[in-house]
Amino acid sequence: MEIQNPTNINRKEHLQEERVLSFTQVLEEEPFILTDSTLFLEKNDSSWYQKDVYFCHAYSRLNCSLLERVLSSLENAQELLRKPNVSTVSKVVDEIARAKNMIQHKQAFLNEEERRSVQRRAKKEYTKTQGEMLFADISFAYNEIERISRKKIFVPANKRAFQELELIVNEVTEKSRAKLDYSNRYGEEYIPKKADLHADEELATAALYLCLIDGKSSCVLTADSDLYRIVSNMFWIFTRGELILREEQPTYALKTSPIKVYFQVGSSLLKELINTSKFSNSYFNDRPRLLNRLRDVQSNLSLQENFLRRE
């Protein structure tokens, strides 16, 4: 649930105008929106569970002001998912379900600790603390988000094409090292990073599928800078690699049915990092190592023939 800060991203190279919009503006402007699971929290609160909850053994020790902000962000996420033009992908729902299970496991642990504490003090009456009530509300909110999001999963009409495209995205992402490893960000005192469910890759695949197969524009909302790199690298693969020497459609589609990536800044604003109708491959000119990796990935990319020969 860590929100990443793309401080190393310099967008001047590809001459794309920066736009900062509110969530409301994006909802009104974009016809089809794919959302990630890490939204609405301020950057300083993004690791709230790892830093403030994981080692906690009593509801009374919880930071209630922090829990109130987390609860507010979850309520905003529910509202977003209920919008008719918002969808997500199955692996994002898996991330939500994993977070829900983690919260509920902690809730059960804290409930048991509270029960034992009451018994030791021989108290006949028990009054719930504010922390306990807030944590119960957060647990319920995660249940609701999972329930709503399962109804909003994007289902492609051509599942085989989607699966082949996802394999290409996974391969390019892995070999180009588009995803950063934050497993040691906090050192040994914090819990280790969970196994990667590859939700970012599936979100990128869904956006590419809508563009290349359905001819529809879409955008992705995220607080994860990995998505910026994944979509950028796929843009190069489809517009500059030998992958398209016999096929001009990908370049045309990326310009006429653009993919946008919006990155969350603050709790209520989104910055447009990518718009493929404006994006330029000059972005890669000052990144020789990345360019060499992409060229190597492209030359060894599997499944490209089957995907591009599709009627």
C-alpha atoms as a PDB file:
ATOM      1  CA  MET A   1       0.000   0.000   0.000  1.00  0.00           C
ATOM      2  CA  GLU A   2       3.040   2.259  -0.407  1.00  0.00           C
ATOM      3  CA  ILE A   3       2.537   5.320  -2.596  1.00  0.00           C
ATOM      4  CA  GLN A   4       5.630   5.956  -4.655  1.00  0.00           C
ATOM      5  CA  ASN A   5       6.967   9.394  -5.505  1.00  0.00           C
ATOM      6  CA  PRO A   6       8.272   9.663  -9.087  1.00  0.00           C
ATOM      7  CA  THR A   7      10.945  12.220  -8.205  1.00  0.00           C
ATOM      8  CA  ASN A   8      13.248  10.769 -10.844  1.00  0.00           C
ATOM      9  CA  ILE A   9      10.751  11.397 -13.648  1.00  0.00           C
ATOM     10  CA  ASN A  10      11.650  14.312 -15.885  1.00  0.00           C
ATOM     11  CA  ARG A  11       8.914  14.895 -18.421  1.00  0.00           C
ATOM     12  CA  LYS A  12      10.540  17.834 -20.235  1.00  0.00           C
ATOM     13  CA  GLU A  13      12.287  15.517 -22.683  1.00  0.00           C
ATOM     14  CA  HIS A  14       9.113  14.447 -24.424  1.00  0.00           C
ATOM     15  CA  LEU A  15       7.645  17.979 -24.477  1.00  0.00           C
ATOM     16  CA  GLN A  16       4.295  16.995 -22.984  1.00  0.00           C
ATOM     17  CA  GLU A  17       2.294  19.734 -21.330  1.00  0.00           C
ATOM     18  CA  GLU A  18       1.755  19.063 -17.646  1.00  0.00           C
ATOM     19  CA  ARG A  19      -1.852  19.129 -16.529  1.00  0.00           C
ATOM     20  CA  VAL A  20      -3.023  18.899 -12.928  1.00  0.00           C
ATOM     21  CA  LEU A  21      -6.702  18.115 -12.504  1.00  0.00           C
ATOM     22  CA  SER A  22      -9.057  17.252  -9.697  1.00  0.00           C
ATOM     23  CA  PHE A  23     -10.626  13.807  -9.505  1.00  0.00           C
ATOM     24  CA  THR A  24     -13.938  15.423 -10.451  1.00  0.00           C
ATOM     25  CA  GLN A  25     -12.430  16.976 -13.596  1.00  0.00           C
ATOM     26  CA  VAL A  26     -10.915  13.657 -14.671  1.00  0.00           C
ATOM     27  CA  LEU A  27     -14.206  11.845 -14.067  1.00  0.00           C
ATOM     28  CA  GLU A  28     -16.004  14.373 -16.245  1.00  0.00           C
ATOM     29  CA  GLU A  29     -13.346  14.453 -18.966  1.00  0.00           C
ATOM     30  CA  GLU A  30     -12.407  10.794 -19.417  1.00  0.00           C
ATOM     31  CA  PRO A  31     -14.842   8.304 -21.000  1.00  0.00           C
ATOM     32  CA  PHE A  32     -13.172   5.158 -19.612  1.00  0.00           C
ATOM     33  CA  ILE A  33     -11.118   5.074 -16.433  1.00  0.00           C
ATOM     34  CA  LEU A  34      -9.067   2.220 -14.990  1.00  0.00           C
ATOM     35  CA  THR A  35      -8.130   2.652 -11.350  1.00  0.00           C
ATOM     36  CA  ASP A  36      -5.346   1.279  -9.206  1.00  0.00           C
ATOM     37  CA  SER A  37      -5.805   0.355  -5.541  1.00  0.00           C
ATOM     38  CA  THR A  38      -3.466   2.984  -4.027  1.00  0.00           C
ATOM     39  CA  LEU A  39      -5.390   6.243  -4.199  1.00  0.00           C
ATOM     40  CA  PHE A  40      -6.522   9.193  -2.058  1.00  0.00           C
ATOM     41  CA  LEU A  41      -4.004   8.844   0.778  1.00  0.00           C
ATOM     42  CA  GLU A  42      -1.460  11.601   1.282  1.00  0.00           C
ATOM     43  CA  LYS A  43       2.115  10.444   0.621  1.00  0.00           C
ATOM     44  CA  ASN A  44       3.034  10.712   4.325  1.00  0.00           C
ATOM     45  CA  ASP A  45       0.104   8.425   5.226  1.00  0.00           C
ATOM     46  CA  SER A  46       0.668   5.830   2.502  1.00  0.00           C
ATOM     47  CA  SER A  47       2.555   3.424   4.773  1.00  0.00           C
ATOM     48  CA  TRP A  48       0.080   3.863   7.631  1.00  0.00           C
ATOM     49  CA  TYR A  49      -0.313   0.150   8.306  1.00  0.00           C
ATOM     50  CA  GLN A  50       3.377  -0.707   8.263  1.00  0.00           C
ATOM     51  CA  LYS A  51       4.437   2.216  10.442  1.00  0.00           C
ATOM     52  CA  ASP A  52       1.520   2.689  12.830  1.00  0.00           C
ATOM     53  CA  VAL A  53      -0.486  -0.525  13.006  1.00  0.00           C
ATOM     54  CA  TYR A  54       1.640  -3.583  12.298  1.00  0.00           C
ATOM     55  CA  PHE A  55       3.451  -3.611  15.660  1.00  0.00           C
ATOM     56  CA  CYS A  56       0.543  -2.240  17.685  1.00  0.00           C
ATOM     57  CA  HIS A  57      -0.853  -4.493  20.457  1.00  0.00           C
ATOM     58  CA  ALA A  58      -3.724  -2.351  21.747  1.00  0.00           C
ATOM     59  CA  TYR A  59      -6.454  -0.206  20.245  1.00  0.00           C
ATOM     60  CA  SER A  60      -5.583   2.543  22.736  1.00  0.00           C
ATOM     61  CA  ARG A  61      -2.181   2.958  21.081  1.00  0.00           C
ATOM     62  CA  LEU A  62      -3.554   3.574  17.594  1.00  0.00           C
ATOM     63  CA  ASN A  63      -3.224   7.029  16.029  1.00  0.00           C
ATOM     64  CA  CYS A  64      -6.883   8.032  15.709  1.00  0.00           C
ATOM     65  CA  SER A  65      -6.286  11.106  13.564  1.00  0.00           C
ATOM     66  CA  LEU A  66      -4.395   8.920  11.091  1.00  0.00           C
ATOM     67  CA  LEU A  67      -7.164   6.307  11.107  1.00  0.00           C
ATOM     68  CA  GLU A  68      -9.703   9.028  10.368  1.00  0.00           C
ATOM     69  CA  ARG A  69      -7.716  10.092   7.301  1.00  0.00           C
ATOM     70  CA  VAL A  70      -7.399   6.468   6.152  1.00  0.00           C
ATOM     71  CA  LEU A  71     -11.137   5.936   6.574  1.00  0.00           C
ATOM     72  CA  SER A  72     -11.872   9.090   4.587  1.00  0.00           C
ATOM     73  CA  SER A  73      -9.609   7.870   1.755  1.00  0.00           C
ATOM     74  CA  LEU A  74     -11.398   4.503   1.696  1.00  0.00           C
ATOM     75  CA  GLU A  75     -14.779   6.208   1.512  1.00  0.00           C
ATOM     76  CA  ASN A  76     -13.499   8.271  -1.430  1.00  0.00           C
ATOM     77  CA  ALA A  77     -12.300   5.066  -3.105  1.00  0.00           C
ATOM     78  CA  GLN A  78     -15.780   3.566  -2.746  1.00  0.00           C
ATOM     79  CA  GLU A  79     -17.314   6.663  -4.305  1.00  0.00           C
ATOM     80  CA  LEU A  80     -14.852   6.521  -7.205  1.00  0.00           C
ATOM     81  CA  LEU A  81     -15.539   2.846  -7.918  1.00  0.00           C
ATOM     82  CA  ARG A  82     -19.276   3.490  -8.045  1.00  0.00           C
ATOM     83  CA  LYS A  83     -18.884   5.887 -10.994  1.00  0.00           C
ATOM     84  CA  PRO A  84     -20.223   4.362 -14.244  1.00  0.00           C
ATOM     85  CA  ASN A  85     -17.086   5.180 -16.277  1.00  0.00           C
ATOM     86  CA  VAL A  86     -14.678   3.629 -13.734  1.00  0.00           C
ATOM     87  CA  SER A  87     -13.394   0.064 -13.918  1.00  0.00           C
ATOM     88  CA  THR A  88     -10.464  -1.907 -12.585  1.00  0.00           C
ATOM     89  CA  VAL A  89      -8.742  -5.234 -13.266  1.00  0.00           C
ATOM     90  CA  SER A  90      -8.815  -8.541 -11.441  1.00  0.00           C
ATOM     91  CA  LYS A  91      -5.314  -8.284  -9.976  1.00  0.00           C
ATOM     92  CA  VAL A  92      -6.101  -4.904  -8.454  1.00  0.00           C
ATOM     93  CA  VAL A  93      -9.076  -6.581  -6.778  1.00  0.00           C
ATOM     94  CA  ASP A  94      -6.684  -9.269  -5.538  1.00  0.00           C
ATOM     95  CA  GLU A  95      -4.542  -6.518  -3.974  1.00  0.00           C
ATOM     96  CA  ILE A  96      -7.629  -5.047  -2.309  1.00  0.00           C
ATOM     97  CA  ALA A  97      -8.656  -8.483  -1.002  1.00  0.00           C
ATOM     98  CA  ARG A  98      -5.165  -9.068   0.392  1.00  0.00           C
ATOM     99  CA  ALA A  99      -5.240  -5.706   2.180  1.00  0.00           C
ATOM    100  CA  LYS A 100      -8.720  -6.489   3.539  1.00  0.00           C
ATOM    101  CA  ASN A 101      -7.553  -9.845   4.888  1.00  0.00           C
ATOM    102  CA  MET A 102      -4.541  -8.198   6.505  1.00  0.00           C
ATOM    103  CA  ILE A 103      -6.761  -5.613   8.225  1.00  0.00           C
ATOM    104  CA  GLN A 104      -9.225  -8.236   9.435  1.00  0.00           C
ATOM    105  CA  HIS A 105      -6.440 -10.447  10.759  1.00  0.00           C
ATOM    106  CA  LYS A 106      -5.071  -7.497  12.731  1.00  0.00           C
ATOM    107  CA  GLN A 107      -8.575  -6.653  13.961  1.00  0.00           C
ATOM    108  CA  ALA A 108      -9.037 -10.199  15.278  1.00  0.00           C
ATOM    109  CA  PHE A 109      -5.636 -10.012  17.007  1.00  0.00           C
ATOM    110  CA  LEU A 110      -6.436  -6.663  18.653  1.00  0.00           C
ATOM    111  CA  ASN A 111      -9.865  -7.902  19.732  1.00  0.00           C
ATOM    112  CA  GLU A 112      -8.263 -10.870  21.472  1.00  0.00           C
ATOM    113  CA  GLU A 113      -5.655  -8.658  23.117  1.00  0.00           C
ATOM    114  CA  GLU A 114      -8.432  -6.364  24.336  1.00  0.00           C
ATOM    115  CA  ARG A 115     -10.416  -9.329  25.725  1.00  0.00           C
ATOM    116  CA  ARG A 116      -7.402 -10.560  27.666  1.00  0.00           C
ATOM    117  CA  SER A 117      -6.707  -7.079  28.980  1.00  0.00           C
ATOM    118  CA  VAL A 118     -10.282  -6.754  30.268  1.00  0.00           C
ATOM    119  CA  GLN A 119     -10.041 -10.135  31.989  1.00  0.00           C
ATOM    120  CA  ARG A 120      -6.771  -9.201  33.688  1.00  0.00           C
ATOM    121  CA  ARG A 121      -8.305  -6.008  35.023  1.00  0.00           C
ATOM    122  CA  ALA A 122     -11.436  -7.893  36.116  1.00  0.00           C
ATOM    123  CA  LYS A 123     -13.650  -5.230  34.585  1.00  0.00           C
ATOM    124  CA  LYS A 124     -17.308  -6.150  34.284  1.00  0.00           C
ATOM    125  CA  GLU A 125     -18.127  -3.444  31.757  1.00  0.00           C
ATOM    126  CA  TYR A 126     -16.264  -2.715  28.593  1.00  0.00           C
ATOM    127  CA  THR A 127     -16.389   0.494  26.571  1.00  0.00           C
ATOM    128  CA  LYS A 128     -15.018   0.563  23.040  1.00  0.00           C
ATOM    129  CA  THR A 129     -12.264   3.077  22.421  1.00  0.00           C
ATOM    130  CA  GLN A 130     -12.269   5.478  19.495  1.00  0.00           C
ATOM    131  CA  GLY A 131      -9.398   3.525  17.951  1.00  0.00           C
ATOM    132  CA  GLU A 132     -11.369   0.282  18.064  1.00  0.00           C
ATOM    133  CA  MET A 133     -14.416   1.862  16.438  1.00  0.00           C
ATOM    134  CA  LEU A 134     -12.341   3.514  13.715  1.00  0.00           C
ATOM    135  CA  PHE A 135     -10.460   0.302  12.984  1.00  0.00           C
ATOM    136  CA  ALA A 136     -13.775  -1.573  12.713  1.00  0.00           C
ATOM    137  CA  ASP A 137     -14.995   1.069  10.252  1.00  0.00           C
ATOM    138  CA  ILE A 138     -11.821   0.658   8.193  1.00  0.00           C
ATOM    139  CA  SER A 139     -12.279  -3.113   8.137  1.00  0.00           C
ATOM    140  CA  PHE A 140     -15.863  -2.696   6.933  1.00  0.00           C
ATOM    141  CA  ALA A 141     -14.763  -0.140   4.302  1.00  0.00           C
ATOM    142  CA  TYR A 142     -12.276  -2.629   2.851  1.00  0.00           C
ATOM    143  CA  ASN A 143     -15.075  -5.194   2.639  1.00  0.00           C
ATOM    144  CA  GLU A 144     -17.180  -2.708   0.713  1.00  0.00           C
ATOM    145  CA  ILE A 145     -14.364  -1.736  -1.644  1.00  0.00           C
ATOM    146  CA  GLU A 146     -13.701  -5.378  -2.469  1.00  0.00           C
ATOM    147  CA  ARG A 147     -17.408  -6.033  -3.030  1.00  0.00           C
ATOM    148  CA  ILE A 148     -17.835  -3.022  -5.326  1.00  0.00           C
ATOM    149  CA  SER A 149     -14.581  -3.558  -7.224  1.00  0.00           C
ATOM    150  CA  ARG A 150     -15.447  -7.182  -8.077  1.00  0.00           C
ATOM    151  CA  LYS A 151     -18.425  -5.811 -10.006  1.00  0.00           C
ATOM    152  CA  LYS A 152     -16.226  -3.322 -11.882  1.00  0.00           C
ATOM    153  CA  ILE A 153     -13.598  -5.683 -13.338  1.00  0.00           C
ATOM    154  CA  PHE A 154     -12.841  -4.985 -16.993  1.00  0.00           C
ATOM    155  CA  VAL A 155     -13.646  -8.055 -19.138  1.00  0.00           C
ATOM    156  CA  PRO A 156     -12.157  -8.004 -22.661  1.00  0.00           C
ATOM    157  CA  ALA A 157     -14.260  -9.388 -25.500  1.00  0.00           C
ATOM    158  CA  ASN A 158     -11.213 -11.097 -27.022  1.00  0.00           C
ATOM    159  CA  LYS A 159      -9.697 -12.889 -24.043  1.00  0.00           C
ATOM    160  CA  ARG A 160      -7.019 -14.627 -26.100  1.00  0.00           C
ATOM    161  CA  ALA A 161      -5.712 -11.332 -27.512  1.00  0.00           C
ATOM    162  CA  PHE A 162      -5.712  -9.859 -23.997  1.00  0.00           C
ATOM    163  CA  GLN A 163      -3.741 -12.810 -22.607  1.00  0.00           C
ATOM    164  CA  GLU A 164      -1.148 -12.598 -25.405  1.00  0.00           C
ATOM    165  CA  LEU A 165      -0.803  -8.857 -24.960  1.00  0.00           C
ATOM    166  CA  GLU A 166      -0.411  -9.310 -21.190  1.00  0.00           C
ATOM    167  CA  LEU A 167       2.418 -11.781 -21.770  1.00  0.00           C
ATOM    168  CA  ILE A 168       4.181  -9.162 -23.908  1.00  0.00           C
ATOM    169  CA  VAL A 169       3.658  -6.468 -21.247  1.00  0.00           C
ATOM    170  CA  ASN A 170       4.937  -8.803 -18.502  1.00  0.00           C
ATOM    171  CA  GLU A 171       8.010  -9.692 -20.547  1.00  0.00           C
ATOM    172  CA  VAL A 172       8.863  -6.109 -21.453  1.00  0.00           C
ATOM    173  CA  THR A 173       8.279  -4.951 -17.857  1.00  0.00           C
ATOM    174  CA  GLU A 174      10.535  -7.614 -16.375  1.00  0.00           C
ATOM    175  CA  LYS A 175      13.368  -7.352 -18.880  1.00  0.00           C
ATOM    176  CA  SER A 176      13.371  -3.547 -19.027  1.00  0.00           C
ATOM    177  CA  ARG A 177      13.302  -3.374 -15.197  1.00  0.00           C
ATOM    178  CA  ALA A 178      10.347  -1.005 -15.246  1.00  0.00           C
ATOM    179  CA  LYS A 179       9.246  -1.900 -11.712  1.00  0.00           C
ATOM    180  CA  LEU A 180      11.215  -0.652  -8.737  1.00  0.00           C
ATOM    181  CA  ASP A 181      11.826  -2.919  -5.751  1.00  0.00           C
ATOM    182  CA  TYR A 182      10.758  -1.221  -2.525  1.00  0.00           C
ATOM    183  CA  SER A 183      11.074  -4.360  -0.377  1.00  0.00           C
ATOM    184  CA  ASN A 184      13.954  -2.935   1.685  1.00  0.00           C
ATOM    185  CA  ARG A 185      12.711   0.658   1.849  1.00  0.00           C
ATOM    186  CA  TYR A 186      12.093   0.591   5.605  1.00  0.00           C
ATOM    187  CA  GLY A 187      14.824  -1.805   6.701  1.00  0.00           C
ATOM    188  CA  GLU A 188      14.338  -4.832   8.922  1.00  0.00           C
ATOM    189  CA  GLU A 189      12.079  -3.087  11.437  1.00  0.00           C
ATOM    190  CA  TYR A 190       9.146  -3.085   9.036  1.00  0.00           C
ATOM    191  CA  ILE A 191       7.238  -5.917   7.439  1.00  0.00           C
ATOM    192  CA  PRO A 192       8.582  -7.223   4.120  1.00  0.00           C
ATOM    193  CA  LYS A 193       6.959  -6.458   0.812  1.00  0.00           C
ATOM    194  CA  LYS A 194       4.226  -8.865  -0.204  1.00  0.00           C
ATOM    195  CA  ALA A 195       4.564 -10.961  -3.357  1.00  0.00           C
ATOM    196  CA  ASP A 196       3.984  -8.944  -6.524  1.00  0.00           C
ATOM    197  CA  LEU A 197       0.539  -9.679  -7.970  1.00  0.00           C
ATOM    198  CA  HIS A 198       1.433  -7.837 -11.226  1.00  0.00           C
ATOM    199  CA  ALA A 199      -1.574  -5.544 -11.012  1.00  0.00           C
ATOM    200  CA  ASP A 200       0.363  -2.722 -12.721  1.00  0.00           C
ATOM    201  CA  GLU A 201       1.040  -4.929 -15.724  1.00  0.00           C
ATOM    202  CA  GLU A 202      -2.621  -5.917 -15.991  1.00  0.00           C
ATOM    203  CA  LEU A 203      -3.735  -2.284 -15.808  1.00  0.00           C
ATOM    204  CA  ALA A 204      -1.290  -1.380 -18.589  1.00  0.00           C
ATOM    205  CA  THR A 205      -2.488  -4.364 -20.608  1.00  0.00           C
ATOM    206  CA  ALA A 206      -6.113  -3.290 -20.268  1.00  0.00           C
ATOM    207  CA  ALA A 207      -5.291   0.222 -21.479  1.00  0.00           C
ATOM    208  CA  LEU A 208      -3.255  -1.138 -24.404  1.00  0.00           C
ATOM    209  CA  TYR A 209      -5.996  -3.615 -25.289  1.00  0.00           C
ATOM    210  CA  LEU A 210      -8.616  -0.857 -25.378  1.00  0.00           C
ATOM    211  CA  CYS A 211      -6.330   1.196 -27.629  1.00  0.00           C
ATOM    212  CA  LEU A 212      -4.936  -1.448 -29.989  1.00  0.00           C
ATOM    213  CA  ILE A 213      -7.834  -3.923 -30.179  1.00  0.00           C
ATOM    214  CA  ASP A 214     -10.982  -1.923 -29.413  1.00  0.00           C
ATOM    215  CA  GLY A 215      -9.792   1.434 -30.752  1.00  0.00           C
ATOM    216  CA  LYS A 216     -10.901   3.222 -27.581  1.00  0.00           C
ATOM    217  CA  SER A 217      -9.101   5.797 -25.476  1.00  0.00           C
ATOM    218  CA  SER A 218      -8.727   5.246 -21.739  1.00  0.00           C
ATOM    219  CA  CYS A 219      -6.811   6.489 -18.739  1.00  0.00           C
ATOM    220  CA  VAL A 220      -5.258   4.904 -15.668  1.00  0.00           C
ATOM    221  CA  LEU A 221      -5.382   6.497 -12.214  1.00  0.00           C
ATOM    222  CA  THR A 222      -2.526   5.483  -9.951  1.00  0.00           C
ATOM    223  CA  ALA A 223      -0.245   6.477  -7.105  1.00  0.00           C
ATOM    224  CA  ASP A 224       2.392   4.023  -8.318  1.00  0.00           C
ATOM    225  CA  SER A 225       5.201   5.381 -10.509  1.00  0.00           C
ATOM    226  CA  ASP A 226       5.830   1.901 -11.944  1.00  0.00           C
ATOM    227  CA  LEU A 227       2.853   2.362 -14.266  1.00  0.00           C
ATOM    228  CA  TYR A 228       4.491   5.411 -15.819  1.00  0.00           C
ATOM    229  CA  ARG A 229       7.564   3.379 -16.730  1.00  0.00           C
ATOM    230  CA  ILE A 230       5.572   0.370 -17.953  1.00  0.00           C
ATOM    231  CA  VAL A 231       3.393   2.418 -20.321  1.00  0.00           C
ATOM    232  CA  SER A 232       6.373   4.516 -21.486  1.00  0.00           C
ATOM    233  CA  ASN A 233       8.369   1.396 -22.329  1.00  0.00           C
ATOM    234  CA  MET A 234       5.434  -0.209 -24.130  1.00  0.00           C
ATOM    235  CA  PHE A 235       5.001   3.000 -26.140  1.00  0.00           C
ATOM    236  CA  TRP A 236       8.580   2.640 -27.411  1.00  0.00           C
ATOM    237  CA  ILE A 237       8.111  -1.061 -28.157  1.00  0.00           C
ATOM    238  CA  PHE A 238       5.049  -0.365 -30.295  1.00  0.00           C
ATOM    239  CA  THR A 239       6.293   2.784 -32.031  1.00  0.00           C
ATOM    240  CA  ARG A 240      10.067   2.419 -32.456  1.00  0.00           C
ATOM    241  CA  GLY A 241      10.924  -1.258 -32.221  1.00  0.00           C
ATOM    242  CA  GLU A 242      11.131  -3.640 -35.172  1.00  0.00           C
ATOM    243  CA  LEU A 243       7.919  -4.993 -33.731  1.00  0.00           C
ATOM    244  CA  ILE A 244       5.974  -2.642 -36.014  1.00  0.00           C
ATOM    245  CA  LEU A 245       8.027  -2.548 -39.243  1.00  0.00           C
ATOM    246  CA  ARG A 246       5.232  -4.398 -41.067  1.00  0.00           C
ATOM    247  CA  GLU A 247       2.398  -2.794 -39.154  1.00  0.00           C
ATOM    248  CA  GLU A 248       1.591   0.895 -38.688  1.00  0.00           C
ATOM    249  CA  GLN A 249      -1.609   0.362 -36.714  1.00  0.00           C
ATOM    250  CA  PRO A 250      -0.085   0.505 -33.190  1.00  0.00           C
ATOM    251  CA  THR A 251       1.451   3.943 -33.803  1.00  0.00           C
ATOM    252  CA  TYR A 252      -1.772   5.261 -35.313  1.00  0.00           C
ATOM    253  CA  ALA A 253      -3.912   3.796 -32.526  1.00  0.00           C
ATOM    254  CA  LEU A 254      -1.728   5.226 -29.753  1.00  0.00           C
ATOM    255  CA  LYS A 255      -2.173   8.676 -31.302  1.00  0.00           C
ATOM    256  CA  THR A 256      -5.881   8.497 -32.188  1.00  0.00           C
ATOM    257  CA  SER A 257      -7.107   6.387 -29.231  1.00  0.00           C
ATOM    258  CA  PRO A 258      -4.688   7.669 -26.614  1.00  0.00           C
ATOM    259  CA  ILE A 259      -3.752   6.170 -23.282  1.00  0.00           C
ATOM    260  CA  LYS A 260      -3.319   8.595 -20.401  1.00  0.00           C
ATOM    261  CA  VAL A 261      -1.694   7.932 -17.059  1.00  0.00           C
ATOM    262  CA  TYR A 262      -2.678  10.189 -14.169  1.00  0.00           C
ATOM    263  CA  PHE A 263      -0.505  10.193 -11.055  1.00  0.00           C
ATOM    264  CA  GLN A 264      -1.995  11.204  -7.717  1.00  0.00           C
ATOM    265  CA  VAL A 265      -0.461  14.327  -6.153  1.00  0.00           C
ATOM    266  CA  GLY A 266      -1.844  15.082  -2.719  1.00  0.00           C
ATOM    267  CA  SER A 267      -5.155  13.560  -1.700  1.00  0.00           C
ATOM    268  CA  SER A 268      -7.412  15.109  -4.336  1.00  0.00           C
ATOM    269  CA  LEU A 269      -5.361  16.053  -7.393  1.00  0.00           C
ATOM    270  CA  LEU A 270      -4.071  14.089 -10.388  1.00  0.00           C
ATOM    271  CA  LYS A 271      -1.159  14.986 -12.664  1.00  0.00           C
ATOM    272  CA  GLU A 272      -1.223  13.774 -16.259  1.00  0.00           C
ATOM    273  CA  LEU A 273       2.119  12.012 -16.737  1.00  0.00           C
ATOM    274  CA  ILE A 274       1.427  10.433 -20.116  1.00  0.00           C
ATOM    275  CA  ASN A 275      -0.864  11.134 -23.029  1.00  0.00           C
ATOM    276  CA  THR A 276       0.187   8.897 -25.925  1.00  0.00           C
ATOM    277  CA  SER A 277      -1.318  11.319 -28.450  1.00  0.00           C
ATOM    278  CA  LYS A 278       1.391  13.820 -27.391  1.00  0.00           C
ATOM    279  CA  PHE A 279       4.129  11.551 -26.059  1.00  0.00           C
ATOM    280  CA  SER A 280       7.448  11.609 -27.908  1.00  0.00           C
ATOM    281  CA  ASN A 281      10.213   9.032 -28.062  1.00  0.00           C
ATOM    282  CA  SER A 282      12.682  11.852 -27.420  1.00  0.00           C
ATOM    283  CA  TYR A 283      12.021  10.895 -23.791  1.00  0.00           C
ATOM    284  CA  PHE A 284      14.413   7.974 -24.322  1.00  0.00           C
ATOM    285  CA  ASN A 285      17.223   9.942 -26.021  1.00  0.00           C
ATOM    286  CA  ASP A 286      19.012  10.808 -22.777  1.00  0.00           C
ATOM    287  CA  ARG A 287      18.468   7.363 -21.309  1.00  0.00           C
ATOM    288  CA  PRO A 288      20.963   5.197 -23.235  1.00  0.00           C
ATOM    289  CA  ARG A 289      20.890   2.335 -20.731  1.00  0.00           C
ATOM    290  CA  LEU A 290      17.107   2.109 -20.851  1.00  0.00           C
ATOM    291  CA  LEU A 291      17.133   2.431 -24.638  1.00  0.00           C
ATOM    292  CA  ASN A 292      19.662  -0.392 -24.953  1.00  0.00           C
ATOM    293  CA  ARG A 293      17.566  -2.577 -22.624  1.00  0.00           C
ATOM    294  CA  LEU A 294      14.453  -1.908 -24.675  1.00  0.00           C
ATOM    295  CA  ARG A 295      16.250  -2.715 -27.923  1.00  0.00           C
ATOM    296  CA  ASP A 296      17.494  -5.947 -26.399  1.00  0.00           C
ATOM    297  CA  VAL A 297      13.998  -6.765 -25.094  1.00  0.00           C
ATOM    298  CA  GLN A 298      12.460  -6.037 -28.486  1.00  0.00           C
ATOM    299  CA  SER A 299      14.928  -8.200 -30.397  1.00  0.00           C
ATOM    300  CA  ASN A 300      14.179 -11.171 -28.132  1.00  0.00           C
ATOM    301  CA  LEU A 301      10.484 -10.560 -27.586  1.00  0.00           C
ATOM    302  CA  SER A 302       8.360 -13.689 -27.838  1.00  0.00           C
ATOM    303  CA  LEU A 303       4.782 -13.903 -29.165  1.00  0.00           C
ATOM    304  CA  GLN A 304       5.113 -10.717 -31.236  1.00  0.00           C
ATOM    305  CA  GLU A 305       4.393 -12.487 -34.528  1.00  0.00           C
ATOM    306  CA  ASN A 306       1.157 -14.050 -33.321  1.00  0.00           C
ATOM    307  CA  PHE A 307      -0.088 -10.824 -31.791  1.00  0.00           C
ATOM    308  CA  LEU A 308       0.642  -8.576 -34.765  1.00  0.00           C
ATOM    309  CA  ARG A 309      -0.707 -10.990 -37.377  1.00  0.00           C
ATOM    310  CA  ARG A 310      -4.075 -11.066 -35.682  1.00  0.00           C
ATOM    311  CA  GLU A 311      -6.929 -10.122 -37.980  1.00  0.00           C
END
